[in-house]
Amino acid sequence: MNSRKWVRLFLTTLLIGGVLTLVSSFIIKSESYAAVLQPFDIVELLGLLLFFSGLGFIFSVISQMGFFAYLTIHQFGKGLFKGSWVAIQVFLIVFAIFDLIYFRYQAADEGVSIWPYVASAFALLTIGMATAWKKAQETNRQAFVPALFFMVVVTTVEWVPALRAASADYVWLMIIPLVVCNAYQLLILHRINGNQANAK
């Protein structure tokens, strides 16, 4: 990938992250907007718009850092573990899903239901499988597991700062742009490179 293509990927992913976080904030942080609309305060409103857009840009940069780290790890894993790399990735996918359910539930307040954690973990798995299937369709079958690994394991690692935050709002504000930015990068890479056989 040359510098022009990399800049294009960076800017488009940055824009996706900023716009998605801003749009999501209208729903997730609606009370913050209500506070500046009644009474109307244009300065506070602009501040909120800039804050959530900037937050989205940060989430996008985290997504891009994770993507390029994944590309490096994937090549390293194939070289070091050879044929075992696929099995290792499958194990890490299963562990990440278990982690999203069990450890988050253990850290929650007593009396909280486990089902929201199950639902969020399997929603991520479902989106990951759909994205990985699309990647495999457009490149080759061997791309499915690495793509699923990226969408589940790497996204979970990127999501950790929000999962550790006290506010549940930021958990959802972060995961929406992360998933979309990760899926976008994964599916656009082989198109940018003009290589339909790219399995990364």
N, C-alpha and C. Protein backbone atom coordinates (compact mmCIF):
# COMPACT_ATOMS: atom_id res chain seq x y z
N MET A 1 0.85 -1.19 0.00
CA MET A 1 0.00 0.00 0.00
C MET A 1 0.88 1.24 0.00
N ASN A 2 0.67 2.13 -1.00
CA ASN A 2 1.47 3.35 -1.04
C ASN A 2 0.88 4.41 -0.10
N SER A 3 1.63 5.52 0.04
CA SER A 3 1.23 6.56 1.00
C SER A 3 -0.11 7.20 0.64
N ARG A 4 -0.40 7.36 -0.65
CA ARG A 4 -1.65 7.98 -1.07
C ARG A 4 -2.84 7.11 -0.66
N LYS A 5 -2.71 5.80 -0.86
CA LYS A 5 -3.79 4.88 -0.47
C LYS A 5 -3.94 4.83 1.05
N TRP A 6 -2.82 4.89 1.76
CA TRP A 6 -2.89 4.85 3.22
C TRP A 6 -3.59 6.09 3.75
N VAL A 7 -3.27 7.26 3.18
CA VAL A 7 -3.91 8.51 3.61
C VAL A 7 -5.41 8.45 3.33
N ARG A 8 -5.78 7.91 2.18
CA ARG A 8 -7.20 7.77 1.83
C ARG A 8 -7.91 6.88 2.84
N LEU A 9 -7.29 5.73 3.18
CA LEU A 9 -7.88 4.82 4.16
C LEU A 9 -7.99 5.49 5.52
N PHE A 10 -6.95 6.19 5.92
CA PHE A 10 -6.94 6.87 7.22
C PHE A 10 -8.05 7.91 7.32
N LEU A 11 -8.18 8.74 6.29
CA LEU A 11 -9.15 9.83 6.33
C LEU A 11 -10.59 9.32 6.27
N THR A 12 -10.84 8.34 5.43
CA THR A 12 -12.21 7.81 5.34
C THR A 12 -12.61 7.10 6.62
N THR A 13 -11.69 6.34 7.21
CA THR A 13 -11.98 5.66 8.48
C THR A 13 -12.18 6.69 9.59
N LEU A 14 -11.37 7.75 9.57
CA LEU A 14 -11.50 8.81 10.56
C LEU A 14 -12.88 9.46 10.47
N LEU A 15 -13.32 9.72 9.24
CA LEU A 15 -14.63 10.34 9.03
C LEU A 15 -15.75 9.42 9.50
N ILE A 16 -15.65 8.13 9.19
CA ILE A 16 -16.66 7.17 9.63
C ILE A 16 -16.77 7.16 11.15
N GLY A 17 -15.63 7.11 11.82
CA GLY A 17 -15.63 7.09 13.28
C GLY A 17 -16.24 8.34 13.88
N GLY A 18 -15.88 9.51 13.32
CA GLY A 18 -16.41 10.77 13.84
C GLY A 18 -17.91 10.90 13.64
N VAL A 19 -18.38 10.59 12.44
CA VAL A 19 -19.80 10.73 12.13
C VAL A 19 -20.64 9.74 12.93
N LEU A 20 -20.20 8.49 13.01
CA LEU A 20 -20.97 7.48 13.73
C LEU A 20 -21.08 7.79 15.22
N THR A 21 -19.99 8.23 15.81
CA THR A 21 -20.03 8.55 17.24
C THR A 21 -20.93 9.76 17.49
N LEU A 22 -20.84 10.75 16.61
CA LEU A 22 -21.69 11.93 16.75
C LEU A 22 -23.17 11.55 16.64
N VAL A 23 -23.52 10.76 15.63
CA VAL A 23 -24.91 10.34 15.44
C VAL A 23 -25.38 9.48 16.63
N SER A 24 -24.51 8.56 17.07
CA SER A 24 -24.86 7.71 18.21
C SER A 24 -25.09 8.53 19.47
N SER A 25 -24.33 9.61 19.62
CA SER A 25 -24.45 10.43 20.83
C SER A 25 -25.82 11.10 20.94
N PHE A 26 -26.47 11.35 19.80
CA PHE A 26 -27.81 11.95 19.84
C PHE A 26 -28.79 11.06 20.60
N ILE A 27 -28.56 9.75 20.51
CA ILE A 27 -29.45 8.79 21.18
C ILE A 27 -28.92 8.43 22.56
N ILE A 28 -27.64 8.04 22.61
CA ILE A 28 -27.06 7.54 23.85
C ILE A 28 -26.89 8.64 24.90
N LYS A 29 -26.54 9.85 24.44
CA LYS A 29 -26.33 10.98 25.37
C LYS A 29 -27.38 12.06 25.12
N SER A 30 -28.60 11.65 24.87
CA SER A 30 -29.67 12.61 24.55
C SER A 30 -29.90 13.61 25.68
N GLU A 31 -29.67 13.18 26.93
CA GLU A 31 -29.88 14.09 28.06
C GLU A 31 -28.89 15.26 28.04
N SER A 32 -27.70 15.02 27.50
CA SER A 32 -26.70 16.09 27.39
C SER A 32 -27.16 17.15 26.39
N TYR A 33 -27.76 16.69 25.29
CA TYR A 33 -28.28 17.65 24.30
C TYR A 33 -29.51 18.37 24.83
N ALA A 34 -30.36 17.65 25.56
CA ALA A 34 -31.56 18.27 26.12
C ALA A 34 -31.20 19.41 27.07
N ALA A 35 -30.10 19.23 27.79
CA ALA A 35 -29.68 20.24 28.77
C ALA A 35 -29.25 21.55 28.11
N VAL A 36 -28.72 21.47 26.87
CA VAL A 36 -28.27 22.69 26.20
C VAL A 36 -29.33 23.26 25.24
N LEU A 37 -30.40 22.50 25.03
CA LEU A 37 -31.48 22.98 24.17
C LEU A 37 -32.58 23.66 24.96
N GLN A 38 -32.64 23.40 26.25
CA GLN A 38 -33.67 24.00 27.10
C GLN A 38 -33.03 24.54 28.38
N PRO A 39 -32.63 25.83 28.39
CA PRO A 39 -32.73 26.80 27.30
C PRO A 39 -31.62 26.59 26.26
N PHE A 40 -31.86 27.10 25.07
CA PHE A 40 -30.93 26.90 23.96
C PHE A 40 -29.63 27.66 24.20
N ASP A 41 -28.51 26.94 24.08
CA ASP A 41 -27.18 27.54 24.26
C ASP A 41 -26.30 27.07 23.10
N ILE A 42 -26.10 27.95 22.12
CA ILE A 42 -25.38 27.59 20.90
C ILE A 42 -23.93 27.22 21.18
N VAL A 43 -23.32 27.92 22.12
CA VAL A 43 -21.90 27.63 22.44
C VAL A 43 -21.77 26.23 23.04
N GLU A 44 -22.64 25.91 23.99
CA GLU A 44 -22.62 24.58 24.62
C GLU A 44 -22.95 23.48 23.60
N LEU A 45 -23.88 23.76 22.70
CA LEU A 45 -24.24 22.78 21.67
C LEU A 45 -23.07 22.50 20.75
N LEU A 46 -22.40 23.56 20.30
CA LEU A 46 -21.23 23.38 19.44
C LEU A 46 -20.13 22.63 20.18
N GLY A 47 -20.01 22.92 21.47
CA GLY A 47 -19.02 22.20 22.28
C GLY A 47 -19.31 20.72 22.34
N LEU A 48 -20.59 20.36 22.51
CA LEU A 48 -20.97 18.94 22.52
C LEU A 48 -20.70 18.27 21.18
N LEU A 49 -21.06 18.96 20.11
CA LEU A 49 -20.84 18.40 18.77
C LEU A 49 -19.35 18.16 18.51
N LEU A 50 -18.53 19.11 18.91
CA LEU A 50 -17.09 18.97 18.73
C LEU A 50 -16.53 17.86 19.62
N PHE A 51 -17.06 17.79 20.85
CA PHE A 51 -16.57 16.77 21.79
C PHE A 51 -16.85 15.37 21.27
N PHE A 52 -18.09 15.10 20.85
CA PHE A 52 -18.43 13.75 20.41
C PHE A 52 -17.80 13.41 19.06
N SER A 53 -17.65 14.41 18.20
CA SER A 53 -16.93 14.17 16.94
C SER A 53 -15.48 13.83 17.22
N GLY A 54 -14.85 14.60 18.11
CA GLY A 54 -13.46 14.34 18.48
C GLY A 54 -13.29 12.99 19.13
N LEU A 55 -14.27 12.61 19.97
CA LEU A 55 -14.23 11.29 20.59
C LEU A 55 -14.29 10.20 19.53
N GLY A 56 -15.12 10.42 18.51
CA GLY A 56 -15.20 9.46 17.40
C GLY A 56 -13.90 9.36 16.63
N PHE A 57 -13.23 10.49 16.45
CA PHE A 57 -11.92 10.46 15.77
C PHE A 57 -10.92 9.63 16.57
N ILE A 58 -10.97 9.77 17.90
CA ILE A 58 -10.07 8.99 18.76
C ILE A 58 -10.39 7.50 18.63
N PHE A 59 -11.67 7.16 18.65
CA PHE A 59 -12.06 5.76 18.49
C PHE A 59 -11.60 5.22 17.14
N SER A 60 -11.68 6.05 16.12
CA SER A 60 -11.24 5.65 14.79
C SER A 60 -9.74 5.37 14.75
N VAL A 61 -8.97 6.23 15.41
CA VAL A 61 -7.52 6.04 15.46
C VAL A 61 -7.18 4.75 16.21
N ILE A 62 -7.90 4.48 17.30
CA ILE A 62 -7.71 3.22 18.03
C ILE A 62 -7.99 2.03 17.12
N SER A 63 -9.07 2.13 16.34
CA SER A 63 -9.43 1.08 15.38
C SER A 63 -8.31 0.87 14.36
N GLN A 64 -7.77 1.96 13.85
CA GLN A 64 -6.72 1.86 12.83
C GLN A 64 -5.43 1.30 13.41
N MET A 65 -5.09 1.69 14.63
CA MET A 65 -3.92 1.12 15.28
C MET A 65 -4.10 -0.38 15.47
N GLY A 66 -5.30 -0.79 15.88
CA GLY A 66 -5.59 -2.21 16.05
C GLY A 66 -5.50 -2.97 14.74
N PHE A 67 -5.94 -2.34 13.65
CA PHE A 67 -5.93 -3.00 12.35
C PHE A 67 -4.51 -3.26 11.87
N PHE A 68 -3.66 -2.26 11.99
CA PHE A 68 -2.29 -2.46 11.52
C PHE A 68 -1.51 -3.37 12.47
N ALA A 69 -1.85 -3.36 13.76
CA ALA A 69 -1.25 -4.32 14.69
C ALA A 69 -1.68 -5.74 14.31
N TYR A 70 -2.96 -5.88 13.94
CA TYR A 70 -3.47 -7.20 13.53
C TYR A 70 -2.73 -7.72 12.29
N LEU A 71 -2.51 -6.86 11.31
CA LEU A 71 -1.80 -7.29 10.11
C LEU A 71 -0.41 -7.81 10.44
N THR A 72 0.25 -7.13 11.38
CA THR A 72 1.59 -7.55 11.80
C THR A 72 1.52 -8.88 12.56
N ILE A 73 0.59 -8.96 13.52
CA ILE A 73 0.44 -10.18 14.33
C ILE A 73 0.08 -11.37 13.45
N HIS A 74 -0.78 -11.13 12.46
CA HIS A 74 -1.21 -12.23 11.58
C HIS A 74 -0.03 -12.80 10.80
N GLN A 75 0.79 -11.93 10.25
CA GLN A 75 1.96 -12.41 9.50
C GLN A 75 2.94 -13.11 10.44
N PHE A 76 3.14 -12.54 11.63
CA PHE A 76 4.04 -13.15 12.61
C PHE A 76 3.51 -14.52 13.04
N GLY A 77 2.20 -14.61 13.29
CA GLY A 77 1.60 -15.88 13.71
C GLY A 77 1.72 -16.96 12.66
N LYS A 78 1.49 -16.59 11.40
CA LYS A 78 1.61 -17.58 10.31
C LYS A 78 3.04 -18.10 10.20
N GLY A 79 4.01 -17.20 10.39
CA GLY A 79 5.40 -17.61 10.28
C GLY A 79 5.87 -18.44 11.46
N LEU A 80 5.40 -18.10 12.67
CA LEU A 80 5.87 -18.77 13.88
C LEU A 80 5.14 -20.09 14.14
N PHE A 81 3.81 -20.07 14.01
CA PHE A 81 3.01 -21.24 14.39
C PHE A 81 2.63 -22.13 13.21
N LYS A 82 2.90 -21.67 11.99
CA LYS A 82 2.61 -22.46 10.79
C LYS A 82 1.15 -22.90 10.75
N GLY A 83 0.91 -24.21 10.63
CA GLY A 83 -0.45 -24.73 10.51
C GLY A 83 -1.27 -24.62 11.77
N SER A 84 -0.63 -24.40 12.93
CA SER A 84 -1.36 -24.29 14.18
C SER A 84 -1.99 -22.91 14.38
N TRP A 85 -1.63 -21.95 13.54
CA TRP A 85 -2.09 -20.58 13.73
C TRP A 85 -3.61 -20.46 13.65
N VAL A 86 -4.23 -21.21 12.75
CA VAL A 86 -5.69 -21.17 12.63
C VAL A 86 -6.34 -21.65 13.93
N ALA A 87 -5.86 -22.77 14.47
CA ALA A 87 -6.42 -23.31 15.71
C ALA A 87 -6.22 -22.33 16.87
N ILE A 88 -5.09 -21.68 16.92
CA ILE A 88 -4.81 -20.71 17.98
C ILE A 88 -5.78 -19.53 17.88
N GLN A 89 -6.04 -19.08 16.66
CA GLN A 89 -6.98 -17.98 16.48
C GLN A 89 -8.39 -18.37 16.91
N VAL A 90 -8.80 -19.59 16.58
CA VAL A 90 -10.14 -20.06 16.98
C VAL A 90 -10.23 -20.11 18.51
N PHE A 91 -9.18 -20.60 19.17
CA PHE A 91 -9.17 -20.64 20.63
C PHE A 91 -9.29 -19.23 21.21
N LEU A 92 -8.56 -18.27 20.66
CA LEU A 92 -8.60 -16.89 21.15
C LEU A 92 -9.97 -16.24 20.91
N ILE A 93 -10.62 -16.61 19.82
CA ILE A 93 -11.97 -16.11 19.55
C ILE A 93 -12.93 -16.60 20.62
N VAL A 94 -12.87 -17.91 20.91
CA VAL A 94 -13.74 -18.50 21.93
C VAL A 94 -13.46 -17.87 23.30
N PHE A 95 -12.18 -17.68 23.61
CA PHE A 95 -11.82 -17.08 24.90
C PHE A 95 -12.31 -15.65 25.00
N ALA A 96 -12.22 -14.89 23.91
CA ALA A 96 -12.68 -13.49 23.92
C ALA A 96 -14.18 -13.42 24.17
N ILE A 97 -14.95 -14.32 23.55
CA ILE A 97 -16.40 -14.34 23.76
C ILE A 97 -16.71 -14.71 25.21
N PHE A 98 -16.00 -15.71 25.73
CA PHE A 98 -16.17 -16.10 27.14
C PHE A 98 -15.82 -14.94 28.06
N ASP A 99 -14.75 -14.24 27.75
CA ASP A 99 -14.31 -13.10 28.55
C ASP A 99 -15.37 -12.00 28.57
N LEU A 100 -15.94 -11.71 27.40
CA LEU A 100 -16.96 -10.66 27.30
C LEU A 100 -18.20 -11.00 28.13
N ILE A 101 -18.47 -12.28 28.29
CA ILE A 101 -19.65 -12.68 29.08
C ILE A 101 -19.30 -12.86 30.55
N TYR A 102 -18.40 -13.78 30.85
CA TYR A 102 -18.17 -14.18 32.23
C TYR A 102 -17.48 -13.10 33.07
N PHE A 103 -16.36 -12.58 32.59
CA PHE A 103 -15.60 -11.64 33.40
C PHE A 103 -16.32 -10.30 33.55
N ARG A 104 -17.03 -9.87 32.50
CA ARG A 104 -17.82 -8.65 32.65
C ARG A 104 -18.96 -8.87 33.65
N TYR A 105 -19.56 -10.03 33.60
CA TYR A 105 -20.66 -10.34 34.54
C TYR A 105 -20.14 -10.40 35.97
N GLN A 106 -18.95 -10.99 36.16
CA GLN A 106 -18.36 -11.09 37.50
C GLN A 106 -18.02 -9.71 38.07
N ALA A 107 -17.67 -8.78 37.18
CA ALA A 107 -17.30 -7.43 37.62
C ALA A 107 -18.53 -6.54 37.83
N ALA A 108 -19.70 -6.99 37.41
CA ALA A 108 -20.92 -6.18 37.52
C ALA A 108 -21.46 -6.21 38.94
N ASP A 109 -22.38 -5.30 39.20
CA ASP A 109 -23.02 -5.24 40.51
C ASP A 109 -23.84 -6.50 40.77
N GLU A 110 -23.97 -6.84 42.03
CA GLU A 110 -24.74 -8.03 42.40
C GLU A 110 -26.21 -7.88 42.01
N GLY A 111 -26.76 -8.93 41.46
CA GLY A 111 -28.16 -8.90 41.06
C GLY A 111 -28.39 -8.54 39.61
N VAL A 112 -27.32 -8.16 38.91
CA VAL A 112 -27.44 -7.81 37.50
C VAL A 112 -27.59 -9.09 36.68
N SER A 113 -28.45 -9.07 35.68
CA SER A 113 -28.66 -10.24 34.82
C SER A 113 -27.47 -10.46 33.90
N ILE A 114 -27.19 -11.73 33.62
CA ILE A 114 -26.09 -12.08 32.72
C ILE A 114 -26.47 -11.90 31.25
N TRP A 115 -27.78 -11.86 30.96
CA TRP A 115 -28.22 -11.90 29.57
C TRP A 115 -27.79 -10.71 28.72
N PRO A 116 -27.70 -9.49 29.24
CA PRO A 116 -27.18 -8.40 28.41
C PRO A 116 -25.74 -8.64 27.96
N TYR A 117 -24.95 -9.28 28.80
CA TYR A 117 -23.57 -9.59 28.44
C TYR A 117 -23.51 -10.69 27.39
N VAL A 118 -24.40 -11.67 27.53
CA VAL A 118 -24.50 -12.72 26.52
C VAL A 118 -24.92 -12.13 25.18
N ALA A 119 -25.92 -11.26 25.22
CA ALA A 119 -26.44 -10.67 23.98
C ALA A 119 -25.39 -9.82 23.28
N SER A 120 -24.65 -8.99 24.03
CA SER A 120 -23.65 -8.12 23.41
C SER A 120 -22.50 -8.94 22.83
N ALA A 121 -22.09 -10.01 23.54
CA ALA A 121 -21.00 -10.84 23.04
C ALA A 121 -21.40 -11.57 21.76
N PHE A 122 -22.61 -12.11 21.74
CA PHE A 122 -23.04 -12.85 20.55
C PHE A 122 -23.42 -11.91 19.40
N ALA A 123 -23.79 -10.68 19.72
CA ALA A 123 -24.00 -9.69 18.66
C ALA A 123 -22.67 -9.38 17.97
N LEU A 124 -21.62 -9.22 18.77
CA LEU A 124 -20.29 -8.99 18.19
C LEU A 124 -19.85 -10.20 17.37
N LEU A 125 -20.09 -11.41 17.88
CA LEU A 125 -19.73 -12.62 17.14
C LEU A 125 -20.50 -12.71 15.83
N THR A 126 -21.78 -12.39 15.86
CA THR A 126 -22.61 -12.47 14.64
C THR A 126 -22.14 -11.48 13.59
N ILE A 127 -21.88 -10.24 14.02
CA ILE A 127 -21.38 -9.23 13.08
C ILE A 127 -20.02 -9.65 12.55
N GLY A 128 -19.19 -10.19 13.44
CA GLY A 128 -17.87 -10.65 13.02
C GLY A 128 -17.94 -11.76 12.00
N MET A 129 -18.85 -12.71 12.20
CA MET A 129 -19.00 -13.82 11.26
C MET A 129 -19.52 -13.33 9.91
N ALA A 130 -20.45 -12.38 9.94
CA ALA A 130 -20.98 -11.84 8.68
C ALA A 130 -19.88 -11.10 7.90
N THR A 131 -19.07 -10.33 8.63
CA THR A 131 -17.97 -9.60 7.99
C THR A 131 -16.92 -10.56 7.46
N ALA A 132 -16.59 -11.58 8.26
CA ALA A 132 -15.59 -12.57 7.84
C ALA A 132 -16.07 -13.36 6.63
N TRP A 133 -17.36 -13.69 6.61
CA TRP A 133 -17.92 -14.40 5.45
C TRP A 133 -17.81 -13.54 4.19
N LYS A 134 -18.11 -12.25 4.32
CA LYS A 134 -18.00 -11.33 3.19
C LYS A 134 -16.55 -11.23 2.71
N LYS A 135 -15.63 -11.15 3.67
CA LYS A 135 -14.21 -11.09 3.34
C LYS A 135 -13.78 -12.35 2.59
N ALA A 136 -14.20 -13.50 3.09
CA ALA A 136 -13.85 -14.77 2.44
C ALA A 136 -14.45 -14.88 1.05
N GLN A 137 -15.67 -14.38 0.87
CA GLN A 137 -16.32 -14.39 -0.43
C GLN A 137 -15.55 -13.55 -1.44
N GLU A 138 -15.01 -12.44 -0.99
CA GLU A 138 -14.34 -11.51 -1.89
C GLU A 138 -12.85 -11.82 -2.08
N THR A 139 -12.28 -12.67 -1.21
CA THR A 139 -10.86 -13.02 -1.34
C THR A 139 -10.72 -14.54 -1.49
N ASN A 140 -10.61 -15.25 -0.37
CA ASN A 140 -10.57 -16.72 -0.42
C ASN A 140 -11.01 -17.29 0.91
N ARG A 141 -11.30 -18.57 0.96
CA ARG A 141 -11.86 -19.21 2.14
C ARG A 141 -10.94 -19.13 3.36
N GLN A 142 -9.62 -19.12 3.11
CA GLN A 142 -8.66 -19.06 4.21
C GLN A 142 -8.71 -17.73 4.96
N ALA A 143 -9.40 -16.74 4.40
CA ALA A 143 -9.48 -15.44 5.05
C ALA A 143 -10.52 -15.40 6.16
N PHE A 144 -11.39 -16.42 6.23
CA PHE A 144 -12.50 -16.36 7.18
C PHE A 144 -12.05 -16.29 8.64
N VAL A 145 -11.20 -17.21 9.06
CA VAL A 145 -10.79 -17.26 10.47
C VAL A 145 -9.98 -16.02 10.86
N PRO A 146 -8.97 -15.60 10.06
CA PRO A 146 -8.26 -14.37 10.42
C PRO A 146 -9.18 -13.15 10.50
N ALA A 147 -10.14 -13.06 9.60
CA ALA A 147 -11.08 -11.93 9.62
C ALA A 147 -11.95 -11.98 10.86
N LEU A 148 -12.42 -13.18 11.22
CA LEU A 148 -13.24 -13.33 12.43
C LEU A 148 -12.41 -13.02 13.67
N PHE A 149 -11.16 -13.45 13.67
CA PHE A 149 -10.24 -13.14 14.78
C PHE A 149 -10.11 -11.63 14.96
N PHE A 150 -9.94 -10.93 13.87
CA PHE A 150 -9.81 -9.47 13.95
C PHE A 150 -11.09 -8.84 14.48
N MET A 151 -12.22 -9.25 13.92
CA MET A 151 -13.48 -8.63 14.31
C MET A 151 -13.88 -8.92 15.75
N VAL A 152 -13.49 -10.07 16.28
CA VAL A 152 -13.88 -10.42 17.65
C VAL A 152 -12.77 -10.09 18.66
N VAL A 153 -11.59 -10.66 18.45
CA VAL A 153 -10.51 -10.53 19.44
C VAL A 153 -9.94 -9.11 19.46
N VAL A 154 -9.58 -8.61 18.29
CA VAL A 154 -8.96 -7.28 18.25
C VAL A 154 -9.97 -6.21 18.66
N THR A 155 -11.21 -6.33 18.21
CA THR A 155 -12.23 -5.37 18.62
C THR A 155 -12.43 -5.39 20.13
N THR A 156 -12.41 -6.57 20.73
CA THR A 156 -12.55 -6.68 22.19
C THR A 156 -11.41 -5.99 22.91
N VAL A 157 -10.19 -6.19 22.43
CA VAL A 157 -9.02 -5.52 23.03
C VAL A 157 -9.14 -4.00 22.90
N GLU A 158 -9.57 -3.54 21.75
CA GLU A 158 -9.74 -2.10 21.54
C GLU A 158 -10.84 -1.52 22.44
N TRP A 159 -11.80 -2.35 22.76
CA TRP A 159 -12.98 -1.94 23.54
C TRP A 159 -12.69 -1.84 25.04
N VAL A 160 -11.57 -2.40 25.48
CA VAL A 160 -11.26 -2.50 26.90
C VAL A 160 -11.34 -1.16 27.65
N PRO A 161 -10.78 -0.05 27.12
CA PRO A 161 -10.87 1.21 27.87
C PRO A 161 -12.30 1.60 28.23
N ALA A 162 -13.25 1.40 27.31
CA ALA A 162 -14.64 1.73 27.60
C ALA A 162 -15.26 0.73 28.56
N LEU A 163 -14.88 -0.54 28.44
CA LEU A 163 -15.42 -1.57 29.34
C LEU A 163 -15.01 -1.32 30.78
N ARG A 164 -13.87 -0.68 30.97
CA ARG A 164 -13.38 -0.37 32.31
C ARG A 164 -13.93 0.94 32.85
N ALA A 165 -14.58 1.71 32.00
CA ALA A 165 -15.13 3.00 32.43
C ALA A 165 -16.35 2.78 33.31
N ALA A 166 -16.62 3.77 34.13
CA ALA A 166 -17.75 3.66 35.06
C ALA A 166 -19.09 3.81 34.34
N SER A 167 -19.11 4.58 33.25
CA SER A 167 -20.36 4.88 32.54
C SER A 167 -20.63 3.88 31.43
N ALA A 168 -21.81 3.28 31.45
CA ALA A 168 -22.20 2.34 30.39
C ALA A 168 -22.40 3.06 29.06
N ASP A 169 -22.69 4.37 29.10
CA ASP A 169 -22.91 5.12 27.86
C ASP A 169 -21.70 5.03 26.94
N TYR A 170 -20.52 5.14 27.52
CA TYR A 170 -19.30 5.14 26.71
C TYR A 170 -18.96 3.75 26.19
N VAL A 171 -19.48 2.70 26.85
CA VAL A 171 -19.32 1.35 26.32
C VAL A 171 -19.98 1.26 24.94
N TRP A 172 -21.20 1.81 24.83
CA TRP A 172 -21.93 1.76 23.56
C TRP A 172 -21.45 2.81 22.58
N LEU A 173 -21.05 3.98 23.10
CA LEU A 173 -20.52 5.01 22.21
C LEU A 173 -19.26 4.54 21.50
N MET A 174 -18.48 3.70 22.16
CA MET A 174 -17.22 3.25 21.58
C MET A 174 -17.39 2.05 20.66
N ILE A 175 -18.23 1.08 21.05
CA ILE A 175 -18.29 -0.16 20.28
C ILE A 175 -18.90 0.05 18.89
N ILE A 176 -19.84 0.98 18.75
CA ILE A 176 -20.47 1.19 17.45
C ILE A 176 -19.46 1.64 16.39
N PRO A 177 -18.70 2.73 16.62
CA PRO A 177 -17.70 3.11 15.62
C PRO A 177 -16.57 2.10 15.48
N LEU A 178 -16.19 1.42 16.58
CA LEU A 178 -15.12 0.43 16.48
C LEU A 178 -15.50 -0.69 15.53
N VAL A 179 -16.69 -1.25 15.70
CA VAL A 179 -17.12 -2.38 14.85
C VAL A 179 -17.21 -1.95 13.39
N VAL A 180 -17.81 -0.80 13.15
CA VAL A 180 -17.99 -0.35 11.77
C VAL A 180 -16.64 0.00 11.14
N CYS A 181 -15.78 0.71 11.86
CA CYS A 181 -14.46 1.06 11.33
C CYS A 181 -13.62 -0.19 11.07
N ASN A 182 -13.68 -1.16 11.97
CA ASN A 182 -12.93 -2.40 11.78
C ASN A 182 -13.44 -3.17 10.56
N ALA A 183 -14.75 -3.28 10.44
CA ALA A 183 -15.32 -3.99 9.29
C ALA A 183 -14.97 -3.26 7.99
N TYR A 184 -15.05 -1.94 8.01
CA TYR A 184 -14.73 -1.15 6.81
C TYR A 184 -13.28 -1.39 6.38
N GLN A 185 -12.35 -1.31 7.32
CA GLN A 185 -10.94 -1.49 6.97
C GLN A 185 -10.68 -2.90 6.44
N LEU A 186 -11.29 -3.88 7.08
CA LEU A 186 -11.10 -5.26 6.67
C LEU A 186 -11.60 -5.51 5.25
N LEU A 187 -12.75 -4.93 4.93
CA LEU A 187 -13.37 -5.18 3.62
C LEU A 187 -12.85 -4.29 2.52
N ILE A 188 -12.22 -3.16 2.90
CA ILE A 188 -11.74 -2.23 1.87
C ILE A 188 -10.29 -2.51 1.50
N LEU A 189 -9.55 -3.21 2.37
CA LEU A 189 -8.11 -3.37 2.14
C LEU A 189 -7.79 -4.01 0.80
N HIS A 190 -8.44 -5.14 0.49
CA HIS A 190 -8.12 -5.82 -0.76
C HIS A 190 -8.60 -5.02 -1.97
N ARG A 191 -9.62 -4.18 -1.79
CA ARG A 191 -10.08 -3.33 -2.89
C ARG A 191 -9.07 -2.21 -3.17
N ILE A 192 -8.56 -1.63 -2.09
CA ILE A 192 -7.56 -0.57 -2.26
C ILE A 192 -6.30 -1.12 -2.90
N ASN A 193 -5.91 -2.32 -2.46
CA ASN A 193 -4.70 -2.94 -3.00
C ASN A 193 -4.93 -3.54 -4.39
N GLY A 194 -6.21 -3.65 -4.77
CA GLY A 194 -6.51 -4.23 -6.08
C GLY A 194 -6.14 -5.67 -6.18
N ASN A 195 -6.24 -6.38 -5.02
CA ASN A 195 -5.82 -7.80 -4.99
C ASN A 195 -6.96 -8.63 -4.40
N GLN A 196 -7.77 -9.24 -5.22
CA GLN A 196 -8.91 -10.04 -4.77
C GLN A 196 -8.51 -11.31 -4.07
N ALA A 197 -7.23 -11.67 -4.14
CA ALA A 197 -6.80 -12.90 -3.48
C ALA A 197 -6.14 -12.62 -2.14
N ASN A 198 -6.20 -11.37 -1.69
CA ASN A 198 -5.58 -11.01 -0.42
C ASN A 198 -6.36 -11.66 0.73
N ALA A 199 -5.68 -12.45 1.53
CA ALA A 199 -6.36 -13.16 2.61
C ALA A 199 -6.21 -12.50 3.96
N LYS A 200 -5.67 -11.32 4.02
CA LYS A 200 -5.45 -10.67 5.31
C LYS A 200 -6.70 -10.02 5.81
